[in-house]
Amino acid sequence: MEHVPVLLDAIMEMLQPAPGRTVIDATFGRGGHTRAFLERGARVIALDVDPDAQAEAEKLSREAGSDRFRFVRKNFGQLAEIVAEEGSVDGLLLDLGLSSPQLDRAERGFSFQQSGPLDMRMDPAQGESAADVVNRLPEPELRQLLRDGGEDRDPGKIARAIVRARPLRTTEDLAQAVIRATKAPRPGSKHPATRTFLAVRRAVNREGEMLDQALAAVPKALKPGGRLAVLTYQSLEDRVVKNWIRDHAEEEKRQPGMAFGQPNPARWVKSLGEAVPSEAEISANPRARSARLRGAERIAS
């Protein structure tokens, strides 16, 4: 399946790429959003650790030129390092989903839809694979991983089923262990292994930690008036982003104990609202169904 950038129009409106503006695409993927930024005349710095993303970026670099496009083989959690090199920018995009090629290639091990090695690493050359994680963790730690990372409804049952099924080597092995603990998938309903695969993938790639590190770098990443856009695809990450914006957003009322007109250093952004895909976009790209976009702008003062 061809990768289609999600909520592209809403992101363009939110980040406003244009000549003379620099945007960091901190999750390059297959470059759909980056191409749109370049077409609007912006300069783009793109980050990704996936070797397939690097191959796509090299082609794009030849088209756009090194003066307008730079690719860095780093995780979005390393955003602070890029900002230290490049300085603050006008726009920042975090797209926290997988690309269609990642999901469709069985050998990457991201999907239960087809059997492949139980890998799930964004960079297949680095760190533990999903098989390493599910075969190594004691049952209590595995239960906590499923509960906290994927919000599984039956983490105890699933953890026990995984331990009993060891060693697990393929995506089919993991999916079948979940089905034995819960129920068989039904047509038109969410596959029972969806949350388990999400939790394991997030653990393998330390996605929660990477998101926290990226958000911590935003104050230095954005110029005054610079804008942040974050695409999430599941409720846990959306809550993190929603709460982060809420905790840093400008308030209408003064804080208790503060003089009138005195700025609150903790409140340095304003919310740009949120957007979800239209029915037409979901029809054209079913993988966009769970997406939610949230944005914030750095207050000029």
C-alpha atoms as a PDB file:
ATOM      1  CA  MET A   1       0.000   0.000   0.000  1.00  0.00           C
ATOM      2  CA  GLU A   2       1.334   3.426  -0.960  1.00  0.00           C
ATOM      3  CA  HIS A   3       2.040   5.712   1.967  1.00  0.00           C
ATOM      4  CA  VAL A   4      -0.378   8.655   2.087  1.00  0.00           C
ATOM      5  CA  PRO A   5       0.446  11.559   4.437  1.00  0.00           C
ATOM      6  CA  VAL A   6      -2.310  12.002   7.002  1.00  0.00           C
ATOM      7  CA  LEU A   7      -4.173  15.308   7.560  1.00  0.00           C
ATOM      8  CA  LEU A   8      -1.873  17.034   5.096  1.00  0.00           C
ATOM      9  CA  ASP A   9      -4.052  20.119   4.535  1.00  0.00           C
ATOM     10  CA  ALA A  10      -4.543  20.669   8.263  1.00  0.00           C
ATOM     11  CA  ILE A  11      -0.800  20.363   8.878  1.00  0.00           C
ATOM     12  CA  MET A  12      -0.033  22.851   6.102  1.00  0.00           C
ATOM     13  CA  GLU A  13      -2.472  25.322   7.623  1.00  0.00           C
ATOM     14  CA  MET A  14      -1.060  24.767  11.103  1.00  0.00           C
ATOM     15  CA  LEU A  15       2.660  25.043  10.273  1.00  0.00           C
ATOM     16  CA  GLN A  16       2.404  27.494   7.346  1.00  0.00           C
ATOM     17  CA  PRO A  17       5.559  26.433   5.440  1.00  0.00           C
ATOM     18  CA  ALA A  18       6.784  29.132   3.054  1.00  0.00           C
ATOM     19  CA  PRO A  19       9.974  30.552   1.511  1.00  0.00           C
ATOM     20  CA  GLY A  20      12.311  31.817   4.210  1.00  0.00           C
ATOM     21  CA  ARG A  21      10.859  29.453   6.844  1.00  0.00           C
ATOM     22  CA  THR A  22      12.554  26.327   8.201  1.00  0.00           C
ATOM     23  CA  VAL A  23      10.580  23.271   9.299  1.00  0.00           C
ATOM     24  CA  ILE A  24      11.825  20.195  11.152  1.00  0.00           C
ATOM     25  CA  ASP A  25      10.048  17.005  10.130  1.00  0.00           C
ATOM     26  CA  ALA A  26      11.164  14.978  13.125  1.00  0.00           C
ATOM     27  CA  THR A  27       9.515  11.774  11.867  1.00  0.00           C
ATOM     28  CA  PHE A  28      10.313  11.706   8.133  1.00  0.00           C
ATOM     29  CA  GLY A  29       8.879   8.262   7.345  1.00  0.00           C
ATOM     30  CA  ARG A  30       8.510   8.159   3.570  1.00  0.00           C
ATOM     31  CA  GLY A  31       8.659  11.919   3.179  1.00  0.00           C
ATOM     32  CA  GLY A  32       5.073  12.794   2.294  1.00  0.00           C
ATOM     33  CA  HIS A  33       4.847  15.755   4.652  1.00  0.00           C
ATOM     34  CA  THR A  34       8.406  16.870   3.867  1.00  0.00           C
ATOM     35  CA  ARG A  35       7.669  16.963   0.125  1.00  0.00           C
ATOM     36  CA  ALA A  36       4.672  19.187   0.786  1.00  0.00           C
ATOM     37  CA  PHE A  37       6.788  21.547   2.913  1.00  0.00           C
ATOM     38  CA  LEU A  38       9.391  21.777   0.138  1.00  0.00           C
ATOM     39  CA  GLU A  39       6.710  22.425  -2.479  1.00  0.00           C
ATOM     40  CA  ARG A  40       5.576  25.422  -0.395  1.00  0.00           C
ATOM     41  CA  GLY A  41       9.131  26.794  -0.536  1.00  0.00           C
ATOM     42  CA  ALA A  42      10.275  25.986   3.008  1.00  0.00           C
ATOM     43  CA  ARG A  43      13.659  24.586   3.994  1.00  0.00           C
ATOM     44  CA  VAL A  44      13.317  21.200   5.734  1.00  0.00           C
ATOM     45  CA  ILE A  45      15.452  19.298   8.228  1.00  0.00           C
ATOM     46  CA  ALA A  46      14.232  15.691   8.462  1.00  0.00           C
ATOM     47  CA  LEU A  47      14.951  13.047  11.103  1.00  0.00           C
ATOM     48  CA  ASP A  48      14.447   9.282  11.033  1.00  0.00           C
ATOM     49  CA  VAL A  49      16.344   6.146  12.089  1.00  0.00           C
ATOM     50  CA  ASP A  50      14.702   3.789   9.600  1.00  0.00           C
ATOM     51  CA  PRO A  51      17.211   2.777   6.883  1.00  0.00           C
ATOM     52  CA  ASP A  52      14.417   2.705   4.297  1.00  0.00           C
ATOM     53  CA  ALA A  53      13.558   6.294   5.214  1.00  0.00           C
ATOM     54  CA  GLN A  54      17.187   7.245   4.652  1.00  0.00           C
ATOM     55  CA  ALA A  55      17.081   5.747   1.140  1.00  0.00           C
ATOM     56  CA  GLU A  56      13.967   7.808   0.356  1.00  0.00           C
ATOM     57  CA  ALA A  57      15.582  10.926   1.817  1.00  0.00           C
ATOM     58  CA  GLU A  58      18.662  10.528  -0.364  1.00  0.00           C
ATOM     59  CA  LYS A  59      16.468  10.574  -3.474  1.00  0.00           C
ATOM     60  CA  LEU A  60      14.629  13.643  -2.213  1.00  0.00           C
ATOM     61  CA  SER A  61      17.896  15.411  -1.433  1.00  0.00           C
ATOM     62  CA  ARG A  62      18.998  15.016  -5.044  1.00  0.00           C
ATOM     63  CA  GLU A  63      15.726  16.560  -6.185  1.00  0.00           C
ATOM     64  CA  ALA A  64      15.527  19.441  -3.704  1.00  0.00           C
ATOM     65  CA  GLY A  65      19.209  20.243  -3.192  1.00  0.00           C
ATOM     66  CA  SER A  66      21.220  20.227   0.014  1.00  0.00           C
ATOM     67  CA  ASP A  67      20.588  23.931   0.619  1.00  0.00           C
ATOM     68  CA  ARG A  68      16.859  23.262   1.085  1.00  0.00           C
ATOM     69  CA  PHE A  69      16.803  19.756   2.501  1.00  0.00           C
ATOM     70  CA  ARG A  70      18.902  18.019   5.137  1.00  0.00           C
ATOM     71  CA  PHE A  71      18.346  14.490   6.432  1.00  0.00           C
ATOM     72  CA  VAL A  72      19.766  13.310   9.755  1.00  0.00           C
ATOM     73  CA  ARG A  73      19.756   9.665  10.854  1.00  0.00           C
ATOM     74  CA  LYS A  74      18.492  10.344  14.370  1.00  0.00           C
ATOM     75  CA  ASN A  75      15.414   9.498  16.406  1.00  0.00           C
ATOM     76  CA  PHE A  76      12.886  12.277  17.081  1.00  0.00           C
ATOM     77  CA  GLY A  77      13.813  11.947  20.749  1.00  0.00           C
ATOM     78  CA  GLN A  78      17.210  13.403  19.792  1.00  0.00           C
ATOM     79  CA  LEU A  79      15.600  16.656  18.661  1.00  0.00           C
ATOM     80  CA  ALA A  80      17.618  18.682  21.184  1.00  0.00           C
ATOM     81  CA  GLU A  81      20.845  17.670  19.401  1.00  0.00           C
ATOM     82  CA  ILE A  82      19.532  18.938  16.070  1.00  0.00           C
ATOM     83  CA  VAL A  83      18.364  22.206  17.597  1.00  0.00           C
ATOM     84  CA  ALA A  84      21.809  22.701  19.155  1.00  0.00           C
ATOM     85  CA  GLU A  85      23.317  22.415  15.663  1.00  0.00           C
ATOM     86  CA  GLU A  86      20.691  24.271  13.629  1.00  0.00           C
ATOM     87  CA  GLY A  87      19.160  26.748  16.045  1.00  0.00           C
ATOM     88  CA  SER A  88      15.435  27.343  16.497  1.00  0.00           C
ATOM     89  CA  VAL A  89      13.023  26.933  13.595  1.00  0.00           C
ATOM     90  CA  ASP A  90       9.637  28.131  12.366  1.00  0.00           C
ATOM     91  CA  GLY A  91       7.821  24.802  12.408  1.00  0.00           C
ATOM     92  CA  LEU A  92       8.096  21.338  13.919  1.00  0.00           C
ATOM     93  CA  LEU A  93       6.148  18.206  12.965  1.00  0.00           C
ATOM     94  CA  LEU A  94       5.935  14.998  14.997  1.00  0.00           C
ATOM     95  CA  ASP A  95       3.996  12.263  13.178  1.00  0.00           C
ATOM     96  CA  LEU A  96       3.926   9.408  15.677  1.00  0.00           C
ATOM     97  CA  GLY A  97       2.483   6.755  13.361  1.00  0.00           C
ATOM     98  CA  LEU A  98       4.026   4.058  11.214  1.00  0.00           C
ATOM     99  CA  SER A  99       4.368   4.406   7.463  1.00  0.00           C
ATOM    100  CA  SER A 100       2.413   2.064   5.205  1.00  0.00           C
ATOM    101  CA  PRO A 101       5.606   0.412   3.871  1.00  0.00           C
ATOM    102  CA  GLN A 102       6.645  -0.414   7.432  1.00  0.00           C
ATOM    103  CA  LEU A 103       3.295  -2.070   8.100  1.00  0.00           C
ATOM    104  CA  ASP A 104       3.122  -3.849   4.756  1.00  0.00           C
ATOM    105  CA  ARG A 105       6.572  -5.433   4.830  1.00  0.00           C
ATOM    106  CA  ALA A 106       6.239  -8.697   6.744  1.00  0.00           C
ATOM    107  CA  GLU A 107       9.964  -8.825   7.501  1.00  0.00           C
ATOM    108  CA  ARG A 108       9.700  -5.666   9.638  1.00  0.00           C
ATOM    109  CA  GLY A 109       7.378  -7.484  12.052  1.00  0.00           C
ATOM    110  CA  PHE A 110       5.081  -4.553  12.852  1.00  0.00           C
ATOM    111  CA  SER A 111       1.767  -6.109  11.815  1.00  0.00           C
ATOM    112  CA  PHE A 112      -0.260  -9.134  12.879  1.00  0.00           C
ATOM    113  CA  GLN A 113      -1.914  -9.126   9.450  1.00  0.00           C
ATOM    114  CA  GLN A 114       0.905 -11.215   7.978  1.00  0.00           C
ATOM    115  CA  SER A 115       3.443 -13.570   9.487  1.00  0.00           C
ATOM    116  CA  GLY A 116       7.021 -12.361   9.734  1.00  0.00           C
ATOM    117  CA  PRO A 117       9.895 -12.211  12.203  1.00  0.00           C
ATOM    118  CA  LEU A 118       8.882 -10.623  15.499  1.00  0.00           C
ATOM    119  CA  ASP A 119      11.097  -7.544  15.137  1.00  0.00           C
ATOM    120  CA  MET A 120       9.298  -4.124  15.306  1.00  0.00           C
ATOM    121  CA  ARG A 121      12.498  -2.069  15.519  1.00  0.00           C
ATOM    122  CA  MET A 122      12.477   1.269  13.701  1.00  0.00           C
ATOM    123  CA  ASP A 123      16.193   0.679  13.169  1.00  0.00           C
ATOM    124  CA  PRO A 124      16.600  -3.086  12.637  1.00  0.00           C
ATOM    125  CA  ALA A 125      20.312  -2.854  13.474  1.00  0.00           C
ATOM    126  CA  GLN A 126      19.874  -1.379  16.944  1.00  0.00           C
ATOM    127  CA  GLY A 127      18.551  -2.646  20.270  1.00  0.00           C
ATOM    128  CA  GLU A 128      16.310  -5.521  21.294  1.00  0.00           C
ATOM    129  CA  SER A 129      13.714  -6.918  18.927  1.00  0.00           C
ATOM    130  CA  ALA A 130      10.110  -7.581  19.928  1.00  0.00           C
ATOM    131  CA  ALA A 131      10.973 -11.276  20.186  1.00  0.00           C
ATOM    132  CA  ASP A 132      13.754 -10.437  22.646  1.00  0.00           C
ATOM    133  CA  VAL A 133      11.325  -8.426  24.781  1.00  0.00           C
ATOM    134  CA  VAL A 134       8.406 -10.880  24.924  1.00  0.00           C
ATOM    135  CA  ASN A 135      10.683 -13.864  25.510  1.00  0.00           C
ATOM    136  CA  ARG A 136      12.857 -12.198  28.171  1.00  0.00           C
ATOM    137  CA  LEU A 137      10.537 -10.273  30.484  1.00  0.00           C
ATOM    138  CA  PRO A 138       9.181 -11.932  33.623  1.00  0.00           C
ATOM    139  CA  GLU A 139       5.401 -12.222  33.632  1.00  0.00           C
ATOM    140  CA  PRO A 140       4.775  -9.314  36.072  1.00  0.00           C
ATOM    141  CA  GLU A 141       6.893  -6.922  33.974  1.00  0.00           C
ATOM    142  CA  LEU A 142       5.230  -8.126  30.793  1.00  0.00           C
ATOM    143  CA  ARG A 143       1.813  -7.523  32.350  1.00  0.00           C
ATOM    144  CA  GLN A 144       2.818  -3.964  33.274  1.00  0.00           C
ATOM    145  CA  LEU A 145       4.177  -3.341  29.765  1.00  0.00           C
ATOM    146  CA  LEU A 146       0.858  -4.418  28.206  1.00  0.00           C
ATOM    147  CA  ARG A 147      -1.189  -2.381  30.681  1.00  0.00           C
ATOM    148  CA  ASP A 148       0.819   0.829  30.501  1.00  0.00           C
ATOM    149  CA  GLY A 149       2.039   0.759  26.907  1.00  0.00           C
ATOM    150  CA  GLY A 150      -1.060  -0.433  25.091  1.00  0.00           C
ATOM    151  CA  GLU A 151      -3.832  -0.173  27.693  1.00  0.00           C
ATOM    152  CA  ASP A 152      -4.696  -3.841  27.133  1.00  0.00           C
ATOM    153  CA  ARG A 153      -7.943  -4.771  28.860  1.00  0.00           C
ATOM    154  CA  ASP A 154      -6.688  -8.190  29.994  1.00  0.00           C
ATOM    155  CA  PRO A 155      -2.947  -7.685  30.521  1.00  0.00           C
ATOM    156  CA  GLY A 156      -2.661 -10.466  33.085  1.00  0.00           C
ATOM    157  CA  LYS A 157      -4.302 -13.101  30.888  1.00  0.00           C
ATOM    158  CA  ILE A 158      -2.293 -12.037  27.842  1.00  0.00           C
ATOM    159  CA  ALA A 159       1.002 -11.969  29.742  1.00  0.00           C
ATOM    160  CA  ARG A 160       0.377 -15.497  31.045  1.00  0.00           C
ATOM    161  CA  ALA A 161      -0.496 -16.711  27.549  1.00  0.00           C
ATOM    162  CA  ILE A 162       2.691 -15.192  26.130  1.00  0.00           C
ATOM    163  CA  VAL A 163       4.848 -16.830  28.813  1.00  0.00           C
ATOM    164  CA  ARG A 164       3.214 -20.213  28.146  1.00  0.00           C
ATOM    165  CA  ALA A 165       3.746 -19.865  24.384  1.00  0.00           C
ATOM    166  CA  ARG A 166       7.475 -19.116  24.620  1.00  0.00           C
ATOM    167  CA  PRO A 167       9.585 -19.029  22.618  1.00  0.00           C
ATOM    168  CA  LEU A 168       7.719 -16.661  20.277  1.00  0.00           C
ATOM    169  CA  ARG A 169       9.543 -16.009  17.026  1.00  0.00           C
ATOM    170  CA  THR A 170       6.984 -14.585  14.592  1.00  0.00           C
ATOM    171  CA  THR A 171       4.175 -12.045  14.537  1.00  0.00           C
ATOM    172  CA  GLU A 172       1.779 -14.951  14.093  1.00  0.00           C
ATOM    173  CA  ASP A 173       3.119 -16.547  17.291  1.00  0.00           C
ATOM    174  CA  LEU A 174       2.358 -13.398  19.268  1.00  0.00           C
ATOM    175  CA  ALA A 175      -1.049 -12.830  17.679  1.00  0.00           C
ATOM    176  CA  GLN A 176      -2.106 -16.425  18.362  1.00  0.00           C
ATOM    177  CA  ALA A 177      -1.000 -16.186  22.000  1.00  0.00           C
ATOM    178  CA  VAL A 178      -3.238 -13.123  22.430  1.00  0.00           C
ATOM    179  CA  ILE A 179      -6.161 -14.821  20.696  1.00  0.00           C
ATOM    180  CA  ARG A 180      -5.870 -17.840  23.002  1.00  0.00           C
ATOM    181  CA  ALA A 181      -6.028 -15.496  26.003  1.00  0.00           C
ATOM    182  CA  THR A 182      -8.929 -13.415  24.718  1.00  0.00           C
ATOM    183  CA  LYS A 183     -11.049 -14.286  21.681  1.00  0.00           C
ATOM    184  CA  ALA A 184     -10.805 -14.896  17.970  1.00  0.00           C
ATOM    185  CA  PRO A 185     -10.941 -11.813  15.720  1.00  0.00           C
ATOM    186  CA  ARG A 186     -14.357 -10.989  14.290  1.00  0.00           C
ATOM    187  CA  PRO A 187     -15.001  -9.382  10.886  1.00  0.00           C
ATOM    188  CA  GLY A 188     -15.366  -5.616  11.198  1.00  0.00           C
ATOM    189  CA  SER A 189     -14.038  -5.443  14.760  1.00  0.00           C
ATOM    190  CA  LYS A 190     -10.621  -4.493  16.090  1.00  0.00           C
ATOM    191  CA  HIS A 191      -8.195  -7.407  16.170  1.00  0.00           C
ATOM    192  CA  PRO A 192      -7.657  -8.547  19.789  1.00  0.00           C
ATOM    193  CA  ALA A 193      -3.864  -8.299  19.353  1.00  0.00           C
ATOM    194  CA  THR A 194      -3.956  -4.613  18.309  1.00  0.00           C
ATOM    195  CA  ARG A 195      -3.168  -3.199  21.756  1.00  0.00           C
ATOM    196  CA  THR A 196      -0.585  -5.888  22.505  1.00  0.00           C
ATOM    197  CA  PHE A 197       1.349  -5.162  19.319  1.00  0.00           C
ATOM    198  CA  LEU A 198       1.168  -1.445  20.097  1.00  0.00           C
ATOM    199  CA  ALA A 199       2.520  -1.948  23.627  1.00  0.00           C
ATOM    200  CA  VAL A 200       5.388  -4.162  22.489  1.00  0.00           C
ATOM    201  CA  ARG A 201       6.320  -1.819  19.632  1.00  0.00           C
ATOM    202  CA  ARG A 202       6.341   1.179  21.979  1.00  0.00           C
ATOM    203  CA  ALA A 203       8.591  -0.692  24.403  1.00  0.00           C
ATOM    204  CA  VAL A 204      10.993  -1.871  21.700  1.00  0.00           C
ATOM    205  CA  ASN A 205      11.449   1.654  20.336  1.00  0.00           C
ATOM    206  CA  ARG A 206      11.098   3.489  23.694  1.00  0.00           C
ATOM    207  CA  GLU A 207       8.436   5.635  22.081  1.00  0.00           C
ATOM    208  CA  GLY A 208       7.045   7.125  25.273  1.00  0.00           C
ATOM    209  CA  GLU A 209      10.519   8.197  26.360  1.00  0.00           C
ATOM    210  CA  MET A 210      11.285   9.594  22.906  1.00  0.00           C
ATOM    211  CA  LEU A 211       8.085  11.669  22.911  1.00  0.00           C
ATOM    212  CA  ASP A 212       8.878  13.095  26.351  1.00  0.00           C
ATOM    213  CA  GLN A 213      12.387  14.034  25.198  1.00  0.00           C
ATOM    214  CA  ALA A 214      11.085  15.642  22.004  1.00  0.00           C
ATOM    215  CA  LEU A 215       8.503  17.735  23.857  1.00  0.00           C
ATOM    216  CA  ALA A 216      11.151  18.814  26.362  1.00  0.00           C
ATOM    217  CA  ALA A 217      13.203  20.170  23.441  1.00  0.00           C
ATOM    218  CA  VAL A 218      10.352  22.246  21.988  1.00  0.00           C
ATOM    219  CA  PRO A 219      11.083  25.451  23.996  1.00  0.00           C
ATOM    220  CA  LYS A 220      14.472  25.785  22.298  1.00  0.00           C
ATOM    221  CA  ALA A 221      13.311  24.306  19.002  1.00  0.00           C
ATOM    222  CA  LEU A 222      10.748  26.992  18.139  1.00  0.00           C
ATOM    223  CA  LYS A 223      11.358  30.633  17.389  1.00  0.00           C
ATOM    224  CA  PRO A 224       8.875  33.142  18.808  1.00  0.00           C
ATOM    225  CA  GLY A 225       5.827  32.618  16.615  1.00  0.00           C
ATOM    226  CA  GLY A 226       7.061  29.140  15.639  1.00  0.00           C
ATOM    227  CA  ARG A 227       4.517  26.353  15.477  1.00  0.00           C
ATOM    228  CA  LEU A 228       4.326  22.744  16.636  1.00  0.00           C
ATOM    229  CA  ALA A 229       2.091  20.057  15.082  1.00  0.00           C
ATOM    230  CA  VAL A 230       1.791  16.563  16.544  1.00  0.00           C
ATOM    231  CA  LEU A 231      -0.053  13.655  14.904  1.00  0.00           C
ATOM    232  CA  THR A 232      -1.019  10.818  17.237  1.00  0.00           C
ATOM    233  CA  TYR A 233      -2.800   7.563  16.486  1.00  0.00           C
ATOM    234  CA  GLN A 234      -3.749   6.229  19.905  1.00  0.00           C
ATOM    235  CA  SER A 235      -5.261   7.667  23.053  1.00  0.00           C
ATOM    236  CA  LEU A 236      -2.248   7.285  25.329  1.00  0.00           C
ATOM    237  CA  GLU A 237       0.018   9.466  23.182  1.00  0.00           C
ATOM    238  CA  ASP A 238      -2.802  11.916  22.464  1.00  0.00           C
ATOM    239  CA  ARG A 239      -3.287  12.447  26.196  1.00  0.00           C
ATOM    240  CA  VAL A 240       0.433  13.154  26.633  1.00  0.00           C
ATOM    241  CA  VAL A 241       0.350  15.814  23.899  1.00  0.00           C
ATOM    242  CA  LYS A 242      -2.971  17.277  25.051  1.00  0.00           C
ATOM    243  CA  ASN A 243      -1.729  17.604  28.632  1.00  0.00           C
ATOM    244  CA  TRP A 244       1.606  19.050  27.525  1.00  0.00           C
ATOM    245  CA  ILE A 245      -0.133  21.801  25.550  1.00  0.00           C
ATOM    246  CA  ARG A 246      -2.558  22.440  28.411  1.00  0.00           C
ATOM    247  CA  ASP A 247       0.268  22.694  30.946  1.00  0.00           C
ATOM    248  CA  HIS A 248       2.173  25.243  28.852  1.00  0.00           C
ATOM    249  CA  ALA A 249      -0.644  27.181  27.199  1.00  0.00           C
ATOM    250  CA  GLU A 250      -1.271  30.864  27.870  1.00  0.00           C
ATOM    251  CA  GLU A 251      -4.104  31.482  30.318  1.00  0.00           C
ATOM    252  CA  GLU A 252      -6.710  34.206  30.161  1.00  0.00           C
ATOM    253  CA  LYS A 253      -6.612  34.721  33.925  1.00  0.00           C
ATOM    254  CA  ARG A 254      -3.558  35.680  35.930  1.00  0.00           C
ATOM    255  CA  GLN A 255      -1.994  33.045  38.167  1.00  0.00           C
ATOM    256  CA  PRO A 256      -2.654  33.259  41.934  1.00  0.00           C
ATOM    257  CA  GLY A 257      -0.031  35.340  43.679  1.00  0.00           C
ATOM    258  CA  MET A 258       1.206  37.000  40.473  1.00  0.00           C
ATOM    259  CA  ALA A 259       0.948  40.696  39.733  1.00  0.00           C
ATOM    260  CA  PHE A 260      -1.281  41.841  36.894  1.00  0.00           C
ATOM    261  CA  GLY A 261       0.625  41.882  33.625  1.00  0.00           C
ATOM    262  CA  GLN A 262       3.458  39.720  34.946  1.00  0.00           C
ATOM    263  CA  PRO A 263       4.244  36.849  32.523  1.00  0.00           C
ATOM    264  CA  ASN A 264       4.160  33.302  33.765  1.00  0.00           C
ATOM    265  CA  PRO A 265       7.275  31.544  32.431  1.00  0.00           C
ATOM    266  CA  ALA A 266       5.470  28.194  32.479  1.00  0.00           C
ATOM    267  CA  ARG A 267       2.884  29.525  30.001  1.00  0.00           C
ATOM    268  CA  TRP A 268       4.656  30.181  26.738  1.00  0.00           C
ATOM    269  CA  VAL A 269       2.461  28.704  24.003  1.00  0.00           C
ATOM    270  CA  LYS A 270      -1.053  29.106  22.736  1.00  0.00           C
ATOM    271  CA  SER A 271      -3.086  26.169  21.516  1.00  0.00           C
ATOM    272  CA  LEU A 272      -3.868  25.956  17.802  1.00  0.00           C
ATOM    273  CA  GLY A 273      -6.646  23.459  18.419  1.00  0.00           C
ATOM    274  CA  GLU A 274      -7.051  20.010  16.994  1.00  0.00           C
ATOM    275  CA  ALA A 275      -8.159  18.252  13.829  1.00  0.00           C
ATOM    276  CA  VAL A 276      -9.283  14.756  12.889  1.00  0.00           C
ATOM    277  CA  PRO A 277      -9.629  13.168   9.439  1.00  0.00           C
ATOM    278  CA  SER A 278     -12.822  13.694   7.483  1.00  0.00           C
ATOM    279  CA  GLU A 279     -14.921  10.752   6.374  1.00  0.00           C
ATOM    280  CA  ALA A 280     -13.620  11.337   2.849  1.00  0.00           C
ATOM    281  CA  GLU A 281      -9.995  11.066   3.997  1.00  0.00           C
ATOM    282  CA  ILE A 282     -10.737   7.945   6.031  1.00  0.00           C
ATOM    283  CA  SER A 283     -12.455   6.395   3.020  1.00  0.00           C
ATOM    284  CA  ALA A 284      -9.416   7.129   0.839  1.00  0.00           C
ATOM    285  CA  ASN A 285      -6.901   6.139   3.537  1.00  0.00           C
ATOM    286  CA  PRO A 286      -8.403   3.835   6.212  1.00  0.00           C
ATOM    287  CA  ARG A 287      -5.186   3.956   8.248  1.00  0.00           C
ATOM    288  CA  ALA A 288      -5.943   7.615   9.014  1.00  0.00           C
ATOM    289  CA  ARG A 289      -9.025   6.671  11.033  1.00  0.00           C
ATOM    290  CA  SER A 290      -7.472   6.977  14.501  1.00  0.00           C
ATOM    291  CA  ALA A 291      -5.334  10.045  13.761  1.00  0.00           C
ATOM    292  CA  ARG A 292      -5.636  13.248  15.769  1.00  0.00           C
ATOM    293  CA  LEU A 293      -3.660  16.432  15.140  1.00  0.00           C
ATOM    294  CA  ARG A 294      -2.885  18.951  17.872  1.00  0.00           C
ATOM    295  CA  GLY A 295      -0.903  22.145  17.519  1.00  0.00           C
ATOM    296  CA  ALA A 296       0.610  24.992  19.504  1.00  0.00           C
ATOM    297  CA  GLU A 297       2.330  28.275  18.695  1.00  0.00           C
ATOM    298  CA  ARG A 298       5.155  29.798  20.682  1.00  0.00           C
ATOM    299  CA  ILE A 299       4.057  33.152  22.077  1.00  0.00           C
ATOM    300  CA  ALA A 300       6.147  35.922  20.565  1.00  0.00           C
ATOM    301  CA  SER A 301       6.906  37.471  23.944  1.00  0.00           C
END
